[in-house]
Amino acid sequence: MTMPSTIRIPIIAFGFFLLAASVGAQSLRIHQAVEIEVPTEQGRAYQLQTSTDLSSWASLGESFRGTGRIELKSLRVHSAGRFFRSIEIPVSPSVSEDVIFQHSTLGALLVGLYEGDLRFDRLLEQGDFGLGTFQGVDGELVVLDGTAYRIRVDGTASLVSPETLTPFAVVTHFEPDLVFEVTDVTSFESLGALIRQRLSSPNLLYAIKVTGIYSVLTTRSVPAQERPYPPLVDVVANQTTFDLDGIEGTMVGFLLPGYLSSLNASGFHFHFVDESRSTGGHVLELAASRLRVEVDICQRLEMDLPETSDFLEAELP
């Protein structure tokens, strides 16, 4: 069997490439398959189209979301003399940001799989809001407004470099569907009850941002671990807690249903960073007279599994 020949073309090109309406197009006359390089911006939606006359255009395949990188799209071609272009389209549910991206599983973390294998520059392509941890569980992760912060065991917050690795993280592109205030919050549990009153279903996935001044806030962080890694319960037994009463800042977290408990913590899970981005941690307890709550209702969970030998050979719960 003769395999189709393939040509790769950039969607915006020079020389003999034809340009139409500020969007690149190229005539394909010989090859039976084409790979198109599409420059994208993160969070925007795109549609590939084809034409034989640069006047009438037909859509090719499904629309897709930009990542901020050049996307490579492969197409089969059944006739010569075709042109191709990519256009930006309104974000629709099929390419919306209502997706939670998770690297690894809670079960892997519980048994001590702390070897990081996902760089933070790649993680932040998947979301601008979230939480997690670091290589060797060296601190608590907060991702807020597209910036990643590490809360170390001494309670200090610092920026995370792109090459830093994570063994477990959960992020999304945060776009709130609900915004409301809660008052007279007396505990972590009472905040959860007040938020649940506003939600339509216990079976959906929610990303939640809570901002305000906390009259009581207790957080924790954990010390970095070295091989052989102990199980997470032993690490948490050596946690350091911080009383941050009277502090202003933001809690970043998720509410996930019980049927996902083997993949992630069910119920509310929050990490905190203060307004000055100098301290924070995993939230244990809180109280406040008034807080602003923003909720992003998410429709999908995308899992990214590690390729480390530890993960591939582990007996996971």
C-alpha atoms as a PDB file:
ATOM      1  CA  MET A   1       0.000   0.000   0.000  1.00  0.00           C
ATOM      2  CA  THR A   2       1.270   3.457  -0.857  1.00  0.00           C
ATOM      3  CA  MET A   3       1.125   5.772   2.152  1.00  0.00           C
ATOM      4  CA  PRO A   4      -0.225   9.299   1.598  1.00  0.00           C
ATOM      5  CA  SER A   5       2.472  11.920   1.269  1.00  0.00           C
ATOM      6  CA  THR A   6       2.285  14.674   3.823  1.00  0.00           C
ATOM      7  CA  ILE A   7       3.245  18.326   3.817  1.00  0.00           C
ATOM      8  CA  ARG A   8       3.418  20.571   6.870  1.00  0.00           C
ATOM      9  CA  ILE A   9       2.489  24.226   6.412  1.00  0.00           C
ATOM     10  CA  PRO A  10       2.213  27.176   8.762  1.00  0.00           C
ATOM     11  CA  ILE A  11      -1.150  28.905   8.758  1.00  0.00           C
ATOM     12  CA  ILE A  12       0.605  32.259   8.438  1.00  0.00           C
ATOM     13  CA  ALA A  13       3.381  32.005   5.882  1.00  0.00           C
ATOM     14  CA  PHE A  14       5.400  33.943   3.364  1.00  0.00           C
ATOM     15  CA  GLY A  15       6.646  33.695  -0.200  1.00  0.00           C
ATOM     16  CA  PHE A  16       4.390  31.548  -2.368  1.00  0.00           C
ATOM     17  CA  PHE A  17       1.774  31.138   0.337  1.00  0.00           C
ATOM     18  CA  LEU A  18      -1.509  32.936  -0.344  1.00  0.00           C
ATOM     19  CA  LEU A  19      -3.017  35.177   2.319  1.00  0.00           C
ATOM     20  CA  ALA A  20      -6.752  35.832   2.627  1.00  0.00           C
ATOM     21  CA  ALA A  21      -8.479  38.259   5.007  1.00  0.00           C
ATOM     22  CA  SER A  22      -5.443  38.441   7.320  1.00  0.00           C
ATOM     23  CA  VAL A  23      -5.505  34.678   7.724  1.00  0.00           C
ATOM     24  CA  GLY A  24      -2.964  32.487   5.958  1.00  0.00           C
ATOM     25  CA  ALA A  25      -3.932  30.001   3.254  1.00  0.00           C
ATOM     26  CA  GLN A  26      -1.953  27.664   1.015  1.00  0.00           C
ATOM     27  CA  SER A  27      -2.917  25.826  -2.161  1.00  0.00           C
ATOM     28  CA  LEU A  28      -2.395  22.065  -1.904  1.00  0.00           C
ATOM     29  CA  ARG A  29      -1.956  20.424  -5.308  1.00  0.00           C
ATOM     30  CA  ILE A  30      -0.003  17.178  -4.956  1.00  0.00           C
ATOM     31  CA  HIS A  31      -0.047  15.875  -1.406  1.00  0.00           C
ATOM     32  CA  GLN A  32      -2.769  13.631   0.057  1.00  0.00           C
ATOM     33  CA  ALA A  33      -2.329  14.725   3.675  1.00  0.00           C
ATOM     34  CA  VAL A  34      -1.483  18.040   5.278  1.00  0.00           C
ATOM     35  CA  GLU A  35      -0.322  19.154   8.704  1.00  0.00           C
ATOM     36  CA  ILE A  36      -1.232  22.735   9.523  1.00  0.00           C
ATOM     37  CA  GLU A  37       0.592  24.771  12.177  1.00  0.00           C
ATOM     38  CA  VAL A  38      -1.825  27.160  13.891  1.00  0.00           C
ATOM     39  CA  PRO A  39      -0.481  29.878  16.229  1.00  0.00           C
ATOM     40  CA  THR A  40      -2.946  30.219  19.141  1.00  0.00           C
ATOM     41  CA  GLU A  41      -3.602  32.361  22.164  1.00  0.00           C
ATOM     42  CA  GLN A  42      -4.532  30.730  25.461  1.00  0.00           C
ATOM     43  CA  GLY A  43      -8.265  30.638  26.154  1.00  0.00           C
ATOM     44  CA  ARG A  44      -9.369  31.596  22.620  1.00  0.00           C
ATOM     45  CA  ALA A  45     -11.301  29.273  20.300  1.00  0.00           C
ATOM     46  CA  TYR A  46     -10.403  28.406  16.704  1.00  0.00           C
ATOM     47  CA  GLN A  47     -11.901  26.655  13.683  1.00  0.00           C
ATOM     48  CA  LEU A  48     -10.054  25.262  10.671  1.00  0.00           C
ATOM     49  CA  GLN A  49     -11.649  25.912   7.279  1.00  0.00           C
ATOM     50  CA  THR A  50     -11.015  24.971   3.664  1.00  0.00           C
ATOM     51  CA  SER A  51     -11.868  26.564   0.320  1.00  0.00           C
ATOM     52  CA  THR A  52     -11.302  26.017  -3.396  1.00  0.00           C
ATOM     53  CA  ASP A  53     -11.749  29.678  -4.421  1.00  0.00           C
ATOM     54  CA  LEU A  54     -10.843  31.783  -1.339  1.00  0.00           C
ATOM     55  CA  SER A  55     -14.451  32.982  -1.318  1.00  0.00           C
ATOM     56  CA  SER A  56     -16.585  30.200   0.116  1.00  0.00           C
ATOM     57  CA  TRP A  57     -15.184  28.464   3.207  1.00  0.00           C
ATOM     58  CA  ALA A  58     -16.263  25.195   4.861  1.00  0.00           C
ATOM     59  CA  SER A  59     -15.352  24.151   8.407  1.00  0.00           C
ATOM     60  CA  LEU A  60     -13.039  21.175   8.973  1.00  0.00           C
ATOM     61  CA  GLY A  61     -13.495  19.037  12.082  1.00  0.00           C
ATOM     62  CA  GLU A  62     -14.323  20.366  15.532  1.00  0.00           C
ATOM     63  CA  SER A  63     -13.331  23.735  16.902  1.00  0.00           C
ATOM     64  CA  PHE A  64     -10.507  23.763  19.456  1.00  0.00           C
ATOM     65  CA  ARG A  65      -9.163  25.888  22.310  1.00  0.00           C
ATOM     66  CA  GLY A  66      -5.868  27.717  22.075  1.00  0.00           C
ATOM     67  CA  THR A  67      -3.007  26.923  24.439  1.00  0.00           C
ATOM     68  CA  GLY A  68      -0.705  29.866  23.701  1.00  0.00           C
ATOM     69  CA  ARG A  69       1.451  27.593  21.536  1.00  0.00           C
ATOM     70  CA  ILE A  70       1.491  26.503  17.909  1.00  0.00           C
ATOM     71  CA  GLU A  71      -1.068  23.721  17.467  1.00  0.00           C
ATOM     72  CA  LEU A  72      -0.419  21.034  14.845  1.00  0.00           C
ATOM     73  CA  LYS A  73      -3.543  19.801  13.029  1.00  0.00           C
ATOM     74  CA  SER A  74      -3.419  16.818  10.630  1.00  0.00           C
ATOM     75  CA  LEU A  75      -5.934  16.557   7.760  1.00  0.00           C
ATOM     76  CA  ARG A  76      -6.609  14.057   4.983  1.00  0.00           C
ATOM     77  CA  VAL A  77      -7.012  15.683   1.566  1.00  0.00           C
ATOM     78  CA  HIS A  78      -9.034  14.081  -1.232  1.00  0.00           C
ATOM     79  CA  SER A  79      -8.652  16.656  -3.996  1.00  0.00           C
ATOM     80  CA  ALA A  80      -6.104  19.164  -5.235  1.00  0.00           C
ATOM     81  CA  GLY A  81      -6.284  22.937  -5.385  1.00  0.00           C
ATOM     82  CA  ARG A  82      -7.478  23.539  -1.846  1.00  0.00           C
ATOM     83  CA  PHE A  83      -6.778  26.411   0.523  1.00  0.00           C
ATOM     84  CA  PHE A  84      -6.763  26.324   4.304  1.00  0.00           C
ATOM     85  CA  ARG A  85      -7.171  28.883   7.061  1.00  0.00           C
ATOM     86  CA  SER A  86      -7.831  29.161  10.778  1.00  0.00           C
ATOM     87  CA  ILE A  87     -10.337  31.659  12.144  1.00  0.00           C
ATOM     88  CA  GLU A  88     -11.088  32.745  15.693  1.00  0.00           C
ATOM     89  CA  ILE A  89     -14.616  31.986  16.858  1.00  0.00           C
ATOM     90  CA  PRO A  90     -16.644  32.718  20.009  1.00  0.00           C
ATOM     91  CA  VAL A  91     -15.900  30.291  22.814  1.00  0.00           C
ATOM     92  CA  SER A  92     -18.615  27.628  22.853  1.00  0.00           C
ATOM     93  CA  PRO A  93     -19.294  24.883  25.413  1.00  0.00           C
ATOM     94  CA  SER A  94     -17.218  22.431  23.355  1.00  0.00           C
ATOM     95  CA  VAL A  95     -14.120  24.576  23.802  1.00  0.00           C
ATOM     96  CA  SER A  96     -15.066  26.342  27.036  1.00  0.00           C
ATOM     97  CA  GLU A  97     -12.799  26.742  30.027  1.00  0.00           C
ATOM     98  CA  ASP A  98     -15.121  24.681  32.258  1.00  0.00           C
ATOM     99  CA  VAL A  99     -12.613  21.849  32.466  1.00  0.00           C
ATOM    100  CA  ILE A 100     -10.670  20.774  35.547  1.00  0.00           C
ATOM    101  CA  PHE A 101      -7.219  19.447  34.680  1.00  0.00           C
ATOM    102  CA  GLN A 102      -5.653  17.072  37.188  1.00  0.00           C
ATOM    103  CA  HIS A 103      -2.134  15.635  37.124  1.00  0.00           C
ATOM    104  CA  SER A 104      -1.860  12.256  38.911  1.00  0.00           C
ATOM    105  CA  THR A 105      -4.255  10.997  41.604  1.00  0.00           C
ATOM    106  CA  LEU A 106      -4.770  11.524  45.304  1.00  0.00           C
ATOM    107  CA  GLY A 107      -4.227   7.790  45.793  1.00  0.00           C
ATOM    108  CA  ALA A 108      -0.738   8.103  44.314  1.00  0.00           C
ATOM    109  CA  LEU A 109       0.037  10.933  46.718  1.00  0.00           C
ATOM    110  CA  LEU A 110      -1.315   9.002  49.703  1.00  0.00           C
ATOM    111  CA  VAL A 111       1.104   6.107  49.148  1.00  0.00           C
ATOM    112  CA  GLY A 112       4.111   8.398  48.770  1.00  0.00           C
ATOM    113  CA  LEU A 113       4.548   8.996  45.031  1.00  0.00           C
ATOM    114  CA  TYR A 114       6.135  12.441  45.340  1.00  0.00           C
ATOM    115  CA  GLU A 115       8.476  12.392  42.337  1.00  0.00           C
ATOM    116  CA  GLY A 116       7.516  15.334  40.146  1.00  0.00           C
ATOM    117  CA  ASP A 117       7.298  14.863  36.387  1.00  0.00           C
ATOM    118  CA  LEU A 118       5.206  17.806  35.109  1.00  0.00           C
ATOM    119  CA  ARG A 119       6.857  21.208  34.679  1.00  0.00           C
ATOM    120  CA  PHE A 120       5.001  24.261  35.882  1.00  0.00           C
ATOM    121  CA  ASP A 121       5.188  26.033  32.546  1.00  0.00           C
ATOM    122  CA  ARG A 122       3.222  23.107  31.089  1.00  0.00           C
ATOM    123  CA  LEU A 123       0.820  22.986  34.050  1.00  0.00           C
ATOM    124  CA  LEU A 124      -0.072  26.665  33.696  1.00  0.00           C
ATOM    125  CA  GLU A 125      -1.053  26.082  30.076  1.00  0.00           C
ATOM    126  CA  GLN A 126      -3.942  24.051  31.492  1.00  0.00           C
ATOM    127  CA  GLY A 127      -5.252  26.583  33.985  1.00  0.00           C
ATOM    128  CA  ASP A 128      -4.770  29.861  35.829  1.00  0.00           C
ATOM    129  CA  PHE A 129      -6.347  28.776  39.132  1.00  0.00           C
ATOM    130  CA  GLY A 130      -5.723  25.780  41.330  1.00  0.00           C
ATOM    131  CA  LEU A 131      -3.733  23.928  43.966  1.00  0.00           C
ATOM    132  CA  GLY A 132      -1.388  20.999  44.478  1.00  0.00           C
ATOM    133  CA  THR A 133       2.125  20.309  45.697  1.00  0.00           C
ATOM    134  CA  PHE A 134       5.748  20.022  44.577  1.00  0.00           C
ATOM    135  CA  GLN A 135       8.576  17.558  44.043  1.00  0.00           C
ATOM    136  CA  GLY A 136       9.014  15.774  47.381  1.00  0.00           C
ATOM    137  CA  VAL A 137       5.839  17.513  48.688  1.00  0.00           C
ATOM    138  CA  ASP A 138       8.013  20.551  49.385  1.00  0.00           C
ATOM    139  CA  GLY A 139       5.218  22.943  50.354  1.00  0.00           C
ATOM    140  CA  GLU A 140       1.656  23.816  49.346  1.00  0.00           C
ATOM    141  CA  LEU A 141       0.763  25.136  45.875  1.00  0.00           C
ATOM    142  CA  VAL A 142      -1.554  28.048  45.129  1.00  0.00           C
ATOM    143  CA  VAL A 143      -2.284  29.081  41.534  1.00  0.00           C
ATOM    144  CA  LEU A 144      -4.092  32.417  41.367  1.00  0.00           C
ATOM    145  CA  ASP A 145      -4.599  34.686  38.343  1.00  0.00           C
ATOM    146  CA  GLY A 146      -2.149  32.587  36.335  1.00  0.00           C
ATOM    147  CA  THR A 147       0.701  32.837  38.873  1.00  0.00           C
ATOM    148  CA  ALA A 148       1.964  29.894  40.937  1.00  0.00           C
ATOM    149  CA  TYR A 149       3.062  30.341  44.557  1.00  0.00           C
ATOM    150  CA  ARG A 150       4.820  27.881  46.886  1.00  0.00           C
ATOM    151  CA  ILE A 151       4.005  28.049  50.612  1.00  0.00           C
ATOM    152  CA  ARG A 152       6.956  26.414  52.355  1.00  0.00           C
ATOM    153  CA  VAL A 153       7.074  24.778  55.767  1.00  0.00           C
ATOM    154  CA  ASP A 154       8.102  28.096  57.366  1.00  0.00           C
ATOM    155  CA  GLY A 155       4.911  29.723  56.040  1.00  0.00           C
ATOM    156  CA  THR A 156       6.571  31.988  53.499  1.00  0.00           C
ATOM    157  CA  ALA A 157       5.239  32.302  49.954  1.00  0.00           C
ATOM    158  CA  SER A 158       7.441  32.528  46.867  1.00  0.00           C
ATOM    159  CA  LEU A 159       7.015  32.465  43.107  1.00  0.00           C
ATOM    160  CA  VAL A 160       7.446  29.130  41.334  1.00  0.00           C
ATOM    161  CA  SER A 161       9.957  28.880  38.488  1.00  0.00           C
ATOM    162  CA  PRO A 162       8.812  27.375  35.148  1.00  0.00           C
ATOM    163  CA  GLU A 163      11.122  24.354  35.383  1.00  0.00           C
ATOM    164  CA  THR A 164       9.874  23.314  38.848  1.00  0.00           C
ATOM    165  CA  LEU A 165       8.181  19.906  38.877  1.00  0.00           C
ATOM    166  CA  THR A 166       4.910  18.795  40.446  1.00  0.00           C
ATOM    167  CA  PRO A 167       3.766  15.245  41.275  1.00  0.00           C
ATOM    168  CA  PHE A 168       0.139  16.327  41.838  1.00  0.00           C
ATOM    169  CA  ALA A 169      -1.827  19.419  40.869  1.00  0.00           C
ATOM    170  CA  VAL A 170      -5.371  20.475  39.954  1.00  0.00           C
ATOM    171  CA  VAL A 171      -6.061  23.586  37.844  1.00  0.00           C
ATOM    172  CA  THR A 172      -8.725  25.205  35.680  1.00  0.00           C
ATOM    173  CA  HIS A 173      -9.243  28.366  33.675  1.00  0.00           C
ATOM    174  CA  PHE A 174     -11.349  30.196  36.243  1.00  0.00           C
ATOM    175  CA  GLU A 175     -14.453  31.975  34.947  1.00  0.00           C
ATOM    176  CA  PRO A 176     -17.082  32.367  37.695  1.00  0.00           C
ATOM    177  CA  ASP A 177     -20.667  31.387  36.985  1.00  0.00           C
ATOM    178  CA  LEU A 178     -21.905  32.404  40.443  1.00  0.00           C
ATOM    179  CA  VAL A 179     -20.821  35.347  42.607  1.00  0.00           C
ATOM    180  CA  PHE A 180     -22.293  36.006  46.047  1.00  0.00           C
ATOM    181  CA  GLU A 181     -21.446  37.040  49.600  1.00  0.00           C
ATOM    182  CA  VAL A 182     -21.711  35.018  52.781  1.00  0.00           C
ATOM    183  CA  THR A 183     -21.852  36.489  56.268  1.00  0.00           C
ATOM    184  CA  ASP A 184     -21.327  35.330  59.836  1.00  0.00           C
ATOM    185  CA  VAL A 185     -19.002  32.499  58.847  1.00  0.00           C
ATOM    186  CA  THR A 186     -18.039  30.772  62.084  1.00  0.00           C
ATOM    187  CA  SER A 187     -15.988  27.822  60.811  1.00  0.00           C
ATOM    188  CA  PHE A 188     -14.725  25.912  57.783  1.00  0.00           C
ATOM    189  CA  GLU A 189     -17.781  23.694  58.080  1.00  0.00           C
ATOM    190  CA  SER A 190     -20.212  26.612  58.197  1.00  0.00           C
ATOM    191  CA  LEU A 191     -18.642  28.147  55.070  1.00  0.00           C
ATOM    192  CA  GLY A 192     -19.153  24.857  53.279  1.00  0.00           C
ATOM    193  CA  ALA A 193     -22.806  24.756  54.286  1.00  0.00           C
ATOM    194  CA  LEU A 194     -23.387  28.337  53.111  1.00  0.00           C
ATOM    195  CA  ILE A 195     -21.797  27.615  49.729  1.00  0.00           C
ATOM    196  CA  ARG A 196     -23.726  24.363  49.234  1.00  0.00           C
ATOM    197  CA  GLN A 197     -27.000  26.275  49.668  1.00  0.00           C
ATOM    198  CA  ARG A 198     -26.221  28.169  46.451  1.00  0.00           C
ATOM    199  CA  LEU A 199     -25.274  25.158  44.321  1.00  0.00           C
ATOM    200  CA  SER A 200     -27.711  23.363  42.031  1.00  0.00           C
ATOM    201  CA  SER A 201     -26.352  19.825  42.424  1.00  0.00           C
ATOM    202  CA  PRO A 202     -24.015  17.844  44.701  1.00  0.00           C
ATOM    203  CA  ASN A 203     -22.818  15.840  41.697  1.00  0.00           C
ATOM    204  CA  LEU A 204     -21.083  18.537  39.660  1.00  0.00           C
ATOM    205  CA  LEU A 205     -17.502  19.827  39.871  1.00  0.00           C
ATOM    206  CA  TYR A 206     -16.866  23.294  41.298  1.00  0.00           C
ATOM    207  CA  ALA A 207     -13.825  25.568  41.378  1.00  0.00           C
ATOM    208  CA  ILE A 208     -14.254  28.100  44.185  1.00  0.00           C
ATOM    209  CA  LYS A 209     -12.524  31.376  45.054  1.00  0.00           C
ATOM    210  CA  VAL A 210     -13.200  32.947  48.465  1.00  0.00           C
ATOM    211  CA  THR A 211     -11.865  36.444  49.143  1.00  0.00           C
ATOM    212  CA  GLY A 212     -11.997  38.684  52.196  1.00  0.00           C
ATOM    213  CA  ILE A 213     -10.642  39.431  55.646  1.00  0.00           C
ATOM    214  CA  TYR A 214     -10.495  36.370  57.887  1.00  0.00           C
ATOM    215  CA  SER A 215     -10.901  36.943  61.619  1.00  0.00           C
ATOM    216  CA  VAL A 216      -9.628  33.384  62.111  1.00  0.00           C
ATOM    217  CA  LEU A 217      -7.479  31.494  59.648  1.00  0.00           C
ATOM    218  CA  THR A 218      -5.395  28.420  60.410  1.00  0.00           C
ATOM    219  CA  THR A 219      -3.233  26.978  57.655  1.00  0.00           C
ATOM    220  CA  ARG A 220      -0.500  24.399  57.373  1.00  0.00           C
ATOM    221  CA  SER A 221       2.445  23.379  55.244  1.00  0.00           C
ATOM    222  CA  VAL A 222       4.647  20.303  55.257  1.00  0.00           C
ATOM    223  CA  PRO A 223       8.413  19.707  55.080  1.00  0.00           C
ATOM    224  CA  ALA A 224      10.161  18.465  51.949  1.00  0.00           C
ATOM    225  CA  GLN A 225      10.690  14.704  51.782  1.00  0.00           C
ATOM    226  CA  GLU A 226      13.524  12.585  50.422  1.00  0.00           C
ATOM    227  CA  ARG A 227      13.619   8.992  49.204  1.00  0.00           C
ATOM    228  CA  PRO A 228      12.477   6.570  50.401  1.00  0.00           C
ATOM    229  CA  TYR A 229       9.280   8.594  50.571  1.00  0.00           C
ATOM    230  CA  PRO A 230       6.956   7.965  53.540  1.00  0.00           C
ATOM    231  CA  PRO A 231       3.163   7.800  53.062  1.00  0.00           C
ATOM    232  CA  LEU A 232       1.342  11.117  53.183  1.00  0.00           C
ATOM    233  CA  VAL A 233      -0.202  10.467  56.586  1.00  0.00           C
ATOM    234  CA  ASP A 234       3.300  10.421  58.093  1.00  0.00           C
ATOM    235  CA  VAL A 235       4.237  13.647  56.320  1.00  0.00           C
ATOM    236  CA  VAL A 236       1.122  15.435  57.594  1.00  0.00           C
ATOM    237  CA  ALA A 237       1.927  14.264  61.129  1.00  0.00           C
ATOM    238  CA  ASN A 238       4.955  16.595  60.942  1.00  0.00           C
ATOM    239  CA  GLN A 239       3.069  19.567  59.511  1.00  0.00           C
ATOM    240  CA  THR A 240       3.633  23.117  60.703  1.00  0.00           C
ATOM    241  CA  THR A 241       0.490  25.174  61.374  1.00  0.00           C
ATOM    242  CA  PHE A 242       0.098  28.956  61.167  1.00  0.00           C
ATOM    243  CA  ASP A 243      -2.437  31.211  62.895  1.00  0.00           C
ATOM    244  CA  LEU A 244      -3.092  34.025  60.420  1.00  0.00           C
ATOM    245  CA  ASP A 245      -5.957  35.712  62.248  1.00  0.00           C
ATOM    246  CA  GLY A 246      -7.054  39.086  60.866  1.00  0.00           C
ATOM    247  CA  ILE A 247      -5.431  38.482  57.481  1.00  0.00           C
ATOM    248  CA  GLU A 248      -6.790  39.512  54.086  1.00  0.00           C
ATOM    249  CA  GLY A 249      -6.413  37.211  51.116  1.00  0.00           C
ATOM    250  CA  THR A 250      -7.873  34.560  48.841  1.00  0.00           C
ATOM    251  CA  MET A 251      -8.714  30.898  49.226  1.00  0.00           C
ATOM    252  CA  VAL A 252      -8.347  28.839  46.065  1.00  0.00           C
ATOM    253  CA  GLY A 253     -10.046  25.474  45.963  1.00  0.00           C
ATOM    254  CA  PHE A 254     -12.457  22.883  44.679  1.00  0.00           C
ATOM    255  CA  LEU A 255     -15.584  21.059  45.741  1.00  0.00           C
ATOM    256  CA  LEU A 256     -15.656  17.584  44.202  1.00  0.00           C
ATOM    257  CA  PRO A 257     -18.334  14.891  44.614  1.00  0.00           C
ATOM    258  CA  GLY A 258     -17.837  11.708  46.583  1.00  0.00           C
ATOM    259  CA  TYR A 259     -17.797   9.458  43.530  1.00  0.00           C
ATOM    260  CA  LEU A 260     -14.368  10.926  42.656  1.00  0.00           C
ATOM    261  CA  SER A 261     -12.829  10.140  46.054  1.00  0.00           C
ATOM    262  CA  SER A 262     -10.365   7.638  44.586  1.00  0.00           C
ATOM    263  CA  LEU A 263      -9.000  10.366  42.308  1.00  0.00           C
ATOM    264  CA  ASN A 264      -9.114  13.468  44.506  1.00  0.00           C
ATOM    265  CA  ALA A 265     -10.303  14.690  47.888  1.00  0.00           C
ATOM    266  CA  SER A 266     -14.092  14.795  47.986  1.00  0.00           C
ATOM    267  CA  GLY A 267     -15.705  17.782  49.661  1.00  0.00           C
ATOM    268  CA  PHE A 268     -14.068  21.186  50.025  1.00  0.00           C
ATOM    269  CA  HIS A 269     -10.301  21.570  49.626  1.00  0.00           C
ATOM    270  CA  PHE A 270      -8.765  25.052  49.922  1.00  0.00           C
ATOM    271  CA  HIS A 271      -5.295  26.596  49.835  1.00  0.00           C
ATOM    272  CA  PHE A 272      -4.748  30.234  50.822  1.00  0.00           C
ATOM    273  CA  VAL A 273      -2.455  33.088  49.849  1.00  0.00           C
ATOM    274  CA  ASP A 274      -2.609  36.502  51.467  1.00  0.00           C
ATOM    275  CA  GLU A 275      -3.118  39.809  49.678  1.00  0.00           C
ATOM    276  CA  SER A 276       0.614  40.629  49.766  1.00  0.00           C
ATOM    277  CA  ARG A 277       1.486  37.139  48.423  1.00  0.00           C
ATOM    278  CA  SER A 278       3.845  36.568  51.352  1.00  0.00           C
ATOM    279  CA  THR A 279       2.206  33.722  53.305  1.00  0.00           C
ATOM    280  CA  GLY A 280      -0.545  31.122  53.148  1.00  0.00           C
ATOM    281  CA  GLY A 281      -0.963  27.344  53.175  1.00  0.00           C
ATOM    282  CA  HIS A 282      -3.476  24.514  53.224  1.00  0.00           C
ATOM    283  CA  VAL A 283      -6.605  25.756  55.032  1.00  0.00           C
ATOM    284  CA  LEU A 284      -7.601  23.927  58.225  1.00  0.00           C
ATOM    285  CA  GLU A 285      -9.994  26.355  59.946  1.00  0.00           C
ATOM    286  CA  LEU A 286     -11.452  29.817  59.424  1.00  0.00           C
ATOM    287  CA  ALA A 287     -13.983  32.429  60.461  1.00  0.00           C
ATOM    288  CA  ALA A 288     -15.056  35.751  58.940  1.00  0.00           C
ATOM    289  CA  SER A 289     -17.837  38.283  59.179  1.00  0.00           C
ATOM    290  CA  ARG A 290     -18.170  38.625  55.407  1.00  0.00           C
ATOM    291  CA  LEU A 291     -16.594  36.845  52.430  1.00  0.00           C
ATOM    292  CA  ARG A 292     -16.972  37.084  48.654  1.00  0.00           C
ATOM    293  CA  VAL A 293     -17.483  33.717  46.964  1.00  0.00           C
ATOM    294  CA  GLU A 294     -17.007  33.038  43.248  1.00  0.00           C
ATOM    295  CA  VAL A 295     -17.935  29.644  41.792  1.00  0.00           C
ATOM    296  CA  ASP A 296     -16.966  28.199  38.427  1.00  0.00           C
ATOM    297  CA  ILE A 297     -19.233  25.262  37.559  1.00  0.00           C
ATOM    298  CA  CYS A 298     -17.084  22.756  35.662  1.00  0.00           C
ATOM    299  CA  GLN A 299     -18.422  20.129  33.295  1.00  0.00           C
ATOM    300  CA  ARG A 300     -15.390  17.943  32.695  1.00  0.00           C
ATOM    301  CA  LEU A 301     -12.418  16.428  34.505  1.00  0.00           C
ATOM    302  CA  GLU A 302      -9.309  15.796  32.415  1.00  0.00           C
ATOM    303  CA  MET A 303      -6.789  13.370  33.918  1.00  0.00           C
ATOM    304  CA  ASP A 304      -3.080  13.458  33.093  1.00  0.00           C
ATOM    305  CA  LEU A 305      -1.261  10.404  34.447  1.00  0.00           C
ATOM    306  CA  PRO A 306       2.446  10.350  35.354  1.00  0.00           C
ATOM    307  CA  GLU A 307       4.860   8.266  33.300  1.00  0.00           C
ATOM    308  CA  THR A 308       7.349   7.713  36.129  1.00  0.00           C
ATOM    309  CA  SER A 309       8.405   4.178  36.996  1.00  0.00           C
ATOM    310  CA  ASP A 310       7.128   4.774  40.539  1.00  0.00           C
ATOM    311  CA  PHE A 311       3.611   5.400  39.258  1.00  0.00           C
ATOM    312  CA  LEU A 312       3.637   2.633  36.664  1.00  0.00           C
ATOM    313  CA  GLU A 313       4.734   0.017  39.199  1.00  0.00           C
ATOM    314  CA  ALA A 314       2.783   1.180  42.265  1.00  0.00           C
ATOM    315  CA  GLU A 315      -0.174  -0.611  43.840  1.00  0.00           C
ATOM    316  CA  LEU A 316      -2.628   2.255  44.075  1.00  0.00           C
ATOM    317  CA  PRO A 317      -5.747   2.482  46.241  1.00  0.00           C
END
